[in-house]
């Protein structure tokens, strides 16, 4: 129960490039920033990788960056793809998640959409669990998706997480000791979304109580969550 509450009570911050821990995904993060800012001259960007690697986070982060500069359109599922893509404003960044779930009707709409975006100078960013060449999609859609920049998003290995968490803490302006990192890894879920949410929550606790982020603070915070759960 405490592990579940970490994610709930830490109030996860909206996905952004700033709160994504890149690990080995530096190229993907840089490419997304360039695409969202209109500085990357490619038709689109295809992200693929295993569940939990951070693809959905990066899609939302791309929209977060792009909406300050250009029109955006986000589809959480292929079934939500627009039926009249020619009505999208010029320069739109279109983002779509879980491309592998597209049925026949959605594939037809996506094919038309990708072609329409290219003709209007707009761009797309998509995510799937496998690379486009292996997706069970119609051949013409697979070909169009492969014309974009294709990048794998790699989940952080457990051995990489301590350094990544320490770096994230430094970005937020506080020190995270090895002891606190070990405590969090032992007492919360080990996926990065939960761990980053926990760090954000601990940072807020530290500021509110004017105490450094220590094992004692982390233990007290988790115990209080257990008490709330009871």
C-alpha atoms as a PDB file:
ATOM      1  CA  UNK A   1       0.000   0.000   0.000  1.00  0.00           C
ATOM      2  CA  UNK A   2       2.792   2.437   0.841  1.00  0.00           C
ATOM      3  CA  UNK A   3       4.393   1.739  -2.522  1.00  0.00           C
ATOM      4  CA  UNK A   4       1.154   2.690  -4.284  1.00  0.00           C
ATOM      5  CA  UNK A   5       0.702   5.823  -2.192  1.00  0.00           C
ATOM      6  CA  UNK A   6       4.130   7.146  -3.101  1.00  0.00           C
ATOM      7  CA  UNK A   7       2.871   7.829  -6.591  1.00  0.00           C
ATOM      8  CA  UNK A   8      -0.452   9.236  -5.384  1.00  0.00           C
ATOM      9  CA  UNK A   9       0.692  11.543  -2.581  1.00  0.00           C
ATOM     10  CA  UNK A  10       3.834  12.749  -4.334  1.00  0.00           C
ATOM     11  CA  UNK A  11       1.559  14.430  -6.908  1.00  0.00           C
ATOM     12  CA  UNK A  12       3.582  13.553 -10.002  1.00  0.00           C
ATOM     13  CA  UNK A  13       4.544  16.587 -12.009  1.00  0.00           C
ATOM     14  CA  UNK A  14       3.269  16.896 -15.583  1.00  0.00           C
ATOM     15  CA  UNK A  15       5.623  15.092 -18.000  1.00  0.00           C
ATOM     16  CA  UNK A  16       8.343  17.352 -19.346  1.00  0.00           C
ATOM     17  CA  UNK A  17      11.843  17.047 -20.707  1.00  0.00           C
ATOM     18  CA  UNK A  18      13.114  18.586 -17.466  1.00  0.00           C
ATOM     19  CA  UNK A  19      11.729  15.771 -15.284  1.00  0.00           C
ATOM     20  CA  UNK A  20      12.645  12.929 -17.627  1.00  0.00           C
ATOM     21  CA  UNK A  21      15.782  11.114 -16.472  1.00  0.00           C
ATOM     22  CA  UNK A  22      17.485  10.371 -19.809  1.00  0.00           C
ATOM     23  CA  UNK A  23      20.079   7.738 -18.954  1.00  0.00           C
ATOM     24  CA  UNK A  24      21.122   6.340 -22.338  1.00  0.00           C
ATOM     25  CA  UNK A  25      18.392   8.323 -24.107  1.00  0.00           C
ATOM     26  CA  UNK A  26      20.256  11.590 -24.569  1.00  0.00           C
ATOM     27  CA  UNK A  27      19.884  11.448 -28.360  1.00  0.00           C
ATOM     28  CA  UNK A  28      16.142  10.860 -28.093  1.00  0.00           C
ATOM     29  CA  UNK A  29      15.685  13.779 -25.689  1.00  0.00           C
ATOM     30  CA  UNK A  30      17.732  16.117 -27.910  1.00  0.00           C
ATOM     31  CA  UNK A  31      15.831  15.019 -31.018  1.00  0.00           C
ATOM     32  CA  UNK A  32      12.464  15.555 -29.334  1.00  0.00           C
ATOM     33  CA  UNK A  33      13.500  19.034 -28.219  1.00  0.00           C
ATOM     34  CA  UNK A  34      14.572  19.841 -31.774  1.00  0.00           C
ATOM     35  CA  UNK A  35      11.394  18.444 -33.306  1.00  0.00           C
ATOM     36  CA  UNK A  36       9.101  20.175 -30.832  1.00  0.00           C
ATOM     37  CA  UNK A  37      10.900  23.463 -31.384  1.00  0.00           C
ATOM     38  CA  UNK A  38      10.659  23.172 -35.161  1.00  0.00           C
ATOM     39  CA  UNK A  39      14.426  22.922 -35.523  1.00  0.00           C
ATOM     40  CA  UNK A  40      14.652  19.291 -36.667  1.00  0.00           C
ATOM     41  CA  UNK A  41      13.932  18.984 -40.392  1.00  0.00           C
ATOM     42  CA  UNK A  42      12.453  15.475 -40.522  1.00  0.00           C
ATOM     43  CA  UNK A  43       8.904  14.340 -41.393  1.00  0.00           C
ATOM     44  CA  UNK A  44       8.486  12.822 -37.960  1.00  0.00           C
ATOM     45  CA  UNK A  45      10.010  10.929 -35.078  1.00  0.00           C
ATOM     46  CA  UNK A  46       9.256   7.312 -34.202  1.00  0.00           C
ATOM     47  CA  UNK A  47      10.005   6.218 -30.639  1.00  0.00           C
ATOM     48  CA  UNK A  48       9.963   2.563 -29.731  1.00  0.00           C
ATOM     49  CA  UNK A  49      10.876   0.561 -26.655  1.00  0.00           C
ATOM     50  CA  UNK A  50       9.598  -1.697 -23.923  1.00  0.00           C
ATOM     51  CA  UNK A  51       6.773  -0.758 -21.587  1.00  0.00           C
ATOM     52  CA  UNK A  52       7.928   1.589 -18.846  1.00  0.00           C
ATOM     53  CA  UNK A  53      10.875   2.965 -20.814  1.00  0.00           C
ATOM     54  CA  UNK A  54       9.339   6.450 -20.910  1.00  0.00           C
ATOM     55  CA  UNK A  55       7.834   6.740 -24.396  1.00  0.00           C
ATOM     56  CA  UNK A  56       4.502   8.172 -23.234  1.00  0.00           C
ATOM     57  CA  UNK A  57       6.313  10.628 -20.960  1.00  0.00           C
ATOM     58  CA  UNK A  58       8.385  11.827 -23.921  1.00  0.00           C
ATOM     59  CA  UNK A  59       5.332  12.221 -26.164  1.00  0.00           C
ATOM     60  CA  UNK A  60       3.667  14.441 -23.581  1.00  0.00           C
ATOM     61  CA  UNK A  61       6.944  16.293 -23.024  1.00  0.00           C
ATOM     62  CA  UNK A  62       7.197  17.000 -26.754  1.00  0.00           C
ATOM     63  CA  UNK A  63       3.692  18.477 -26.721  1.00  0.00           C
ATOM     64  CA  UNK A  64       4.603  20.522 -23.629  1.00  0.00           C
ATOM     65  CA  UNK A  65       7.557  22.092 -25.463  1.00  0.00           C
ATOM     66  CA  UNK A  66       5.812  22.484 -28.811  1.00  0.00           C
ATOM     67  CA  UNK A  67       2.601  24.161 -27.605  1.00  0.00           C
ATOM     68  CA  UNK A  68       4.567  27.325 -26.796  1.00  0.00           C
ATOM     69  CA  UNK A  69       5.654  27.624 -30.424  1.00  0.00           C
ATOM     70  CA  UNK A  70       3.197  25.813 -32.697  1.00  0.00           C
ATOM     71  CA  UNK A  71      -0.201  24.080 -32.827  1.00  0.00           C
ATOM     72  CA  UNK A  72      -0.300  20.623 -31.230  1.00  0.00           C
ATOM     73  CA  UNK A  73      -2.571  17.584 -31.337  1.00  0.00           C
ATOM     74  CA  UNK A  74      -2.144  14.587 -29.016  1.00  0.00           C
ATOM     75  CA  UNK A  75      -3.773  11.172 -29.446  1.00  0.00           C
ATOM     76  CA  UNK A  76      -3.423   8.744 -26.551  1.00  0.00           C
ATOM     77  CA  UNK A  77      -4.667   5.884 -28.750  1.00  0.00           C
ATOM     78  CA  UNK A  78      -4.721   5.301 -32.535  1.00  0.00           C
ATOM     79  CA  UNK A  79      -8.519   5.142 -32.469  1.00  0.00           C
ATOM     80  CA  UNK A  80      -8.498   8.852 -31.581  1.00  0.00           C
ATOM     81  CA  UNK A  81      -6.741   9.873 -34.809  1.00  0.00           C
ATOM     82  CA  UNK A  82      -8.646  12.664 -36.581  1.00  0.00           C
ATOM     83  CA  UNK A  83     -10.834  11.755 -39.541  1.00  0.00           C
ATOM     84  CA  UNK A  84     -10.188  15.114 -41.255  1.00  0.00           C
ATOM     85  CA  UNK A  85      -6.447  15.725 -40.913  1.00  0.00           C
ATOM     86  CA  UNK A  86      -6.538  18.487 -43.519  1.00  0.00           C
ATOM     87  CA  UNK A  87      -8.230  20.655 -40.868  1.00  0.00           C
ATOM     88  CA  UNK A  88      -5.143  20.604 -38.656  1.00  0.00           C
ATOM     89  CA  UNK A  89      -3.407  24.003 -38.689  1.00  0.00           C
ATOM     90  CA  UNK A  90      -0.169  24.293 -40.703  1.00  0.00           C
ATOM     91  CA  UNK A  91       2.918  23.523 -38.647  1.00  0.00           C
ATOM     92  CA  UNK A  92       1.049  21.274 -36.214  1.00  0.00           C
ATOM     93  CA  UNK A  93       3.006  18.747 -34.187  1.00  0.00           C
ATOM     94  CA  UNK A  94       0.861  15.614 -34.076  1.00  0.00           C
ATOM     95  CA  UNK A  95       1.662  13.032 -31.384  1.00  0.00           C
ATOM     96  CA  UNK A  96       0.206   9.532 -31.174  1.00  0.00           C
ATOM     97  CA  UNK A  97       0.867   6.778 -28.654  1.00  0.00           C
ATOM     98  CA  UNK A  98       0.593   2.974 -28.889  1.00  0.00           C
ATOM     99  CA  UNK A  99       0.704   2.821 -32.681  1.00  0.00           C
ATOM    100  CA  UNK A 100       0.866  -0.978 -32.465  1.00  0.00           C
ATOM    101  CA  UNK A 101      -2.776  -0.952 -31.321  1.00  0.00           C
ATOM    102  CA  UNK A 102      -4.115   0.579 -34.525  1.00  0.00           C
ATOM    103  CA  UNK A 103      -6.862  -1.475 -36.149  1.00  0.00           C
ATOM    104  CA  UNK A 104      -7.621  -1.384 -39.856  1.00  0.00           C
ATOM    105  CA  UNK A 105      -9.709   1.790 -39.720  1.00  0.00           C
ATOM    106  CA  UNK A 106      -7.160   3.614 -37.563  1.00  0.00           C
ATOM    107  CA  UNK A 107      -4.331   2.541 -39.874  1.00  0.00           C
ATOM    108  CA  UNK A 108      -6.148   4.022 -42.862  1.00  0.00           C
ATOM    109  CA  UNK A 109      -6.626   7.330 -40.995  1.00  0.00           C
ATOM    110  CA  UNK A 110      -2.998   7.376 -39.876  1.00  0.00           C
ATOM    111  CA  UNK A 111      -1.763   6.785 -43.411  1.00  0.00           C
ATOM    112  CA  UNK A 112      -3.821   9.725 -44.673  1.00  0.00           C
ATOM    113  CA  UNK A 113      -2.732  11.801 -41.699  1.00  0.00           C
ATOM    114  CA  UNK A 114       1.001  11.235 -42.212  1.00  0.00           C
ATOM    115  CA  UNK A 115       0.708  12.175 -45.883  1.00  0.00           C
ATOM    116  CA  UNK A 116      -1.350  15.266 -45.073  1.00  0.00           C
ATOM    117  CA  UNK A 117       1.104  16.440 -42.432  1.00  0.00           C
ATOM    118  CA  UNK A 118       4.006  16.115 -44.850  1.00  0.00           C
ATOM    119  CA  UNK A 119       2.169  18.150 -47.482  1.00  0.00           C
ATOM    120  CA  UNK A 120       1.356  20.967 -45.034  1.00  0.00           C
ATOM    121  CA  UNK A 121       4.777  21.255 -43.433  1.00  0.00           C
ATOM    122  CA  UNK A 122       3.542  19.762 -40.168  1.00  0.00           C
ATOM    123  CA  UNK A 123       5.315  16.959 -38.300  1.00  0.00           C
ATOM    124  CA  UNK A 124       4.437  13.921 -36.215  1.00  0.00           C
ATOM    125  CA  UNK A 125       5.877  12.025 -33.278  1.00  0.00           C
ATOM    126  CA  UNK A 126       4.716   8.479 -32.563  1.00  0.00           C
ATOM    127  CA  UNK A 127       5.439   5.717 -30.075  1.00  0.00           C
ATOM    128  CA  UNK A 128       5.207   1.927 -30.250  1.00  0.00           C
ATOM    129  CA  UNK A 129       6.571  -1.056 -28.382  1.00  0.00           C
ATOM    130  CA  UNK A 130       8.599  -2.346 -31.369  1.00  0.00           C
ATOM    131  CA  UNK A 131      10.353  -0.652 -34.317  1.00  0.00           C
ATOM    132  CA  UNK A 132       8.195   0.267 -37.335  1.00  0.00           C
ATOM    133  CA  UNK A 133       9.642  -2.485 -39.541  1.00  0.00           C
ATOM    134  CA  UNK A 134       8.204  -5.104 -37.153  1.00  0.00           C
ATOM    135  CA  UNK A 135       4.806  -3.516 -36.534  1.00  0.00           C
ATOM    136  CA  UNK A 136       1.779  -5.492 -37.690  1.00  0.00           C
ATOM    137  CA  UNK A 137       0.533  -2.607 -39.819  1.00  0.00           C
ATOM    138  CA  UNK A 138      -0.299  -2.181 -43.496  1.00  0.00           C
ATOM    139  CA  UNK A 139       2.857  -1.930 -45.578  1.00  0.00           C
ATOM    140  CA  UNK A 140       2.348   1.645 -46.790  1.00  0.00           C
ATOM    141  CA  UNK A 141       1.875   2.953 -43.239  1.00  0.00           C
ATOM    142  CA  UNK A 142       4.942   1.075 -41.985  1.00  0.00           C
ATOM    143  CA  UNK A 143       6.947   2.605 -44.823  1.00  0.00           C
ATOM    144  CA  UNK A 144       5.761   6.133 -43.987  1.00  0.00           C
ATOM    145  CA  UNK A 145       6.604   5.720 -40.304  1.00  0.00           C
ATOM    146  CA  UNK A 146      10.061   4.396 -41.160  1.00  0.00           C
ATOM    147  CA  UNK A 147      10.758   7.589 -43.155  1.00  0.00           C
ATOM    148  CA  UNK A 148      10.896   9.489 -39.894  1.00  0.00           C
ATOM    149  CA  UNK A 149      13.792   9.433 -37.463  1.00  0.00           C
ATOM    150  CA  UNK A 150      13.517   6.104 -35.625  1.00  0.00           C
ATOM    151  CA  UNK A 151      14.928   5.991 -32.084  1.00  0.00           C
ATOM    152  CA  UNK A 152      14.836   3.352 -29.380  1.00  0.00           C
ATOM    153  CA  UNK A 153      13.925   4.507 -25.867  1.00  0.00           C
ATOM    154  CA  UNK A 154      15.822   2.363 -23.379  1.00  0.00           C
ATOM    155  CA  UNK A 155      14.628   1.802 -19.840  1.00  0.00           C
ATOM    156  CA  UNK A 156      17.204   2.490 -17.162  1.00  0.00           C
ATOM    157  CA  UNK A 157      18.873  -0.595 -15.757  1.00  0.00           C
ATOM    158  CA  UNK A 158      18.767  -0.900 -11.969  1.00  0.00           C
ATOM    159  CA  UNK A 159      22.495  -0.228 -11.827  1.00  0.00           C
ATOM    160  CA  UNK A 160      21.963   3.106 -13.634  1.00  0.00           C
ATOM    161  CA  UNK A 161      19.162   4.369 -11.408  1.00  0.00           C
ATOM    162  CA  UNK A 162      21.238   5.649  -8.442  1.00  0.00           C
ATOM    163  CA  UNK A 163      23.333   7.932 -10.649  1.00  0.00           C
ATOM    164  CA  UNK A 164      20.245   9.046 -12.590  1.00  0.00           C
ATOM    165  CA  UNK A 165      18.356   9.876  -9.382  1.00  0.00           C
ATOM    166  CA  UNK A 166      21.306  11.812  -7.974  1.00  0.00           C
ATOM    167  CA  UNK A 167      21.527  13.804 -11.216  1.00  0.00           C
ATOM    168  CA  UNK A 168      17.796  14.534 -11.128  1.00  0.00           C
ATOM    169  CA  UNK A 169      18.077  15.764  -7.543  1.00  0.00           C
ATOM    170  CA  UNK A 170      20.943  18.077  -8.513  1.00  0.00           C
ATOM    171  CA  UNK A 171      18.771  19.509 -11.290  1.00  0.00           C
ATOM    172  CA  UNK A 172      16.120  20.297  -8.652  1.00  0.00           C
ATOM    173  CA  UNK A 173      18.767  21.924  -6.468  1.00  0.00           C
ATOM    174  CA  UNK A 174      19.202  19.469  -3.612  1.00  0.00           C
ATOM    175  CA  UNK A 175      21.681  16.775  -2.623  1.00  0.00           C
ATOM    176  CA  UNK A 176      20.582  13.157  -2.594  1.00  0.00           C
ATOM    177  CA  UNK A 177      22.843  10.836  -0.644  1.00  0.00           C
ATOM    178  CA  UNK A 178      23.598   7.234  -1.546  1.00  0.00           C
ATOM    179  CA  UNK A 179      21.780   6.170   1.632  1.00  0.00           C
ATOM    180  CA  UNK A 180      18.540   7.892   0.637  1.00  0.00           C
ATOM    181  CA  UNK A 181      18.738   6.433  -2.859  1.00  0.00           C
ATOM    182  CA  UNK A 182      19.224   2.936  -1.448  1.00  0.00           C
ATOM    183  CA  UNK A 183      16.295   3.444   0.933  1.00  0.00           C
ATOM    184  CA  UNK A 184      13.966   4.548  -1.870  1.00  0.00           C
ATOM    185  CA  UNK A 185      14.999   1.658  -4.096  1.00  0.00           C
ATOM    186  CA  UNK A 186      14.283  -0.746  -1.246  1.00  0.00           C
ATOM    187  CA  UNK A 187      10.946   0.721  -0.133  1.00  0.00           C
ATOM    188  CA  UNK A 188       9.178   1.995  -3.270  1.00  0.00           C
ATOM    189  CA  UNK A 189       8.470   0.628  -6.697  1.00  0.00           C
ATOM    190  CA  UNK A 190      11.621   0.733  -8.779  1.00  0.00           C
ATOM    191  CA  UNK A 191      10.173   2.185 -11.980  1.00  0.00           C
ATOM    192  CA  UNK A 192      11.477   5.640 -12.758  1.00  0.00           C
ATOM    193  CA  UNK A 193       8.049   7.292 -12.778  1.00  0.00           C
ATOM    194  CA  UNK A 194       7.496   6.286  -9.151  1.00  0.00           C
ATOM    195  CA  UNK A 195      11.047   7.117  -8.099  1.00  0.00           C
ATOM    196  CA  UNK A 196      11.009  10.563  -9.711  1.00  0.00           C
ATOM    197  CA  UNK A 197       7.605  11.284  -8.176  1.00  0.00           C
ATOM    198  CA  UNK A 198       8.979  10.257  -4.779  1.00  0.00           C
ATOM    199  CA  UNK A 199      11.950  12.594  -5.171  1.00  0.00           C
ATOM    200  CA  UNK A 200       9.685  15.470  -6.107  1.00  0.00           C
ATOM    201  CA  UNK A 201       7.536  14.781  -3.063  1.00  0.00           C
ATOM    202  CA  UNK A 202      10.531  14.530  -0.753  1.00  0.00           C
ATOM    203  CA  UNK A 203      11.881  17.792  -2.132  1.00  0.00           C
ATOM    204  CA  UNK A 204       8.607  19.509  -1.275  1.00  0.00           C
ATOM    205  CA  UNK A 205       8.658  17.951   2.204  1.00  0.00           C
ATOM    206  CA  UNK A 206      12.223  19.109   2.694  1.00  0.00           C
ATOM    207  CA  UNK A 207      11.336  22.688   1.765  1.00  0.00           C
ATOM    208  CA  UNK A 208       8.157  22.729   3.850  1.00  0.00           C
ATOM    209  CA  UNK A 209       9.841  21.335   6.959  1.00  0.00           C
ATOM    210  CA  UNK A 210      13.191  23.063   6.379  1.00  0.00           C
ATOM    211  CA  UNK A 211      15.031  19.785   6.695  1.00  0.00           C
ATOM    212  CA  UNK A 212      17.483  18.167   4.285  1.00  0.00           C
ATOM    213  CA  UNK A 213      16.425  15.082   2.351  1.00  0.00           C
ATOM    214  CA  UNK A 214      17.673  12.273   4.582  1.00  0.00           C
ATOM    215  CA  UNK A 215      16.776   8.652   5.239  1.00  0.00           C
ATOM    216  CA  UNK A 216      14.939   9.810   8.375  1.00  0.00           C
ATOM    217  CA  UNK A 217      12.833  12.248   6.339  1.00  0.00           C
ATOM    218  CA  UNK A 218      12.097   9.594   3.702  1.00  0.00           C
ATOM    219  CA  UNK A 219      11.193   7.021   6.365  1.00  0.00           C
ATOM    220  CA  UNK A 220       8.910   9.467   8.175  1.00  0.00           C
ATOM    221  CA  UNK A 221       7.207  10.417   4.921  1.00  0.00           C
ATOM    222  CA  UNK A 222       6.544   6.795   3.942  1.00  0.00           C
ATOM    223  CA  UNK A 223       5.338   5.882   7.437  1.00  0.00           C
ATOM    224  CA  UNK A 224       2.886   8.778   7.397  1.00  0.00           C
ATOM    225  CA  UNK A 225       1.572   7.551   4.073  1.00  0.00           C
ATOM    226  CA  UNK A 226       1.056   4.123   5.605  1.00  0.00           C
ATOM    227  CA  UNK A 227      -0.862   5.764   8.432  1.00  0.00           C
ATOM    228  CA  UNK A 228      -3.070   7.617   5.952  1.00  0.00           C
ATOM    229  CA  UNK A 229      -3.701   4.340   4.143  1.00  0.00           C
ATOM    230  CA  UNK A 230      -4.853   2.759   7.387  1.00  0.00           C
END
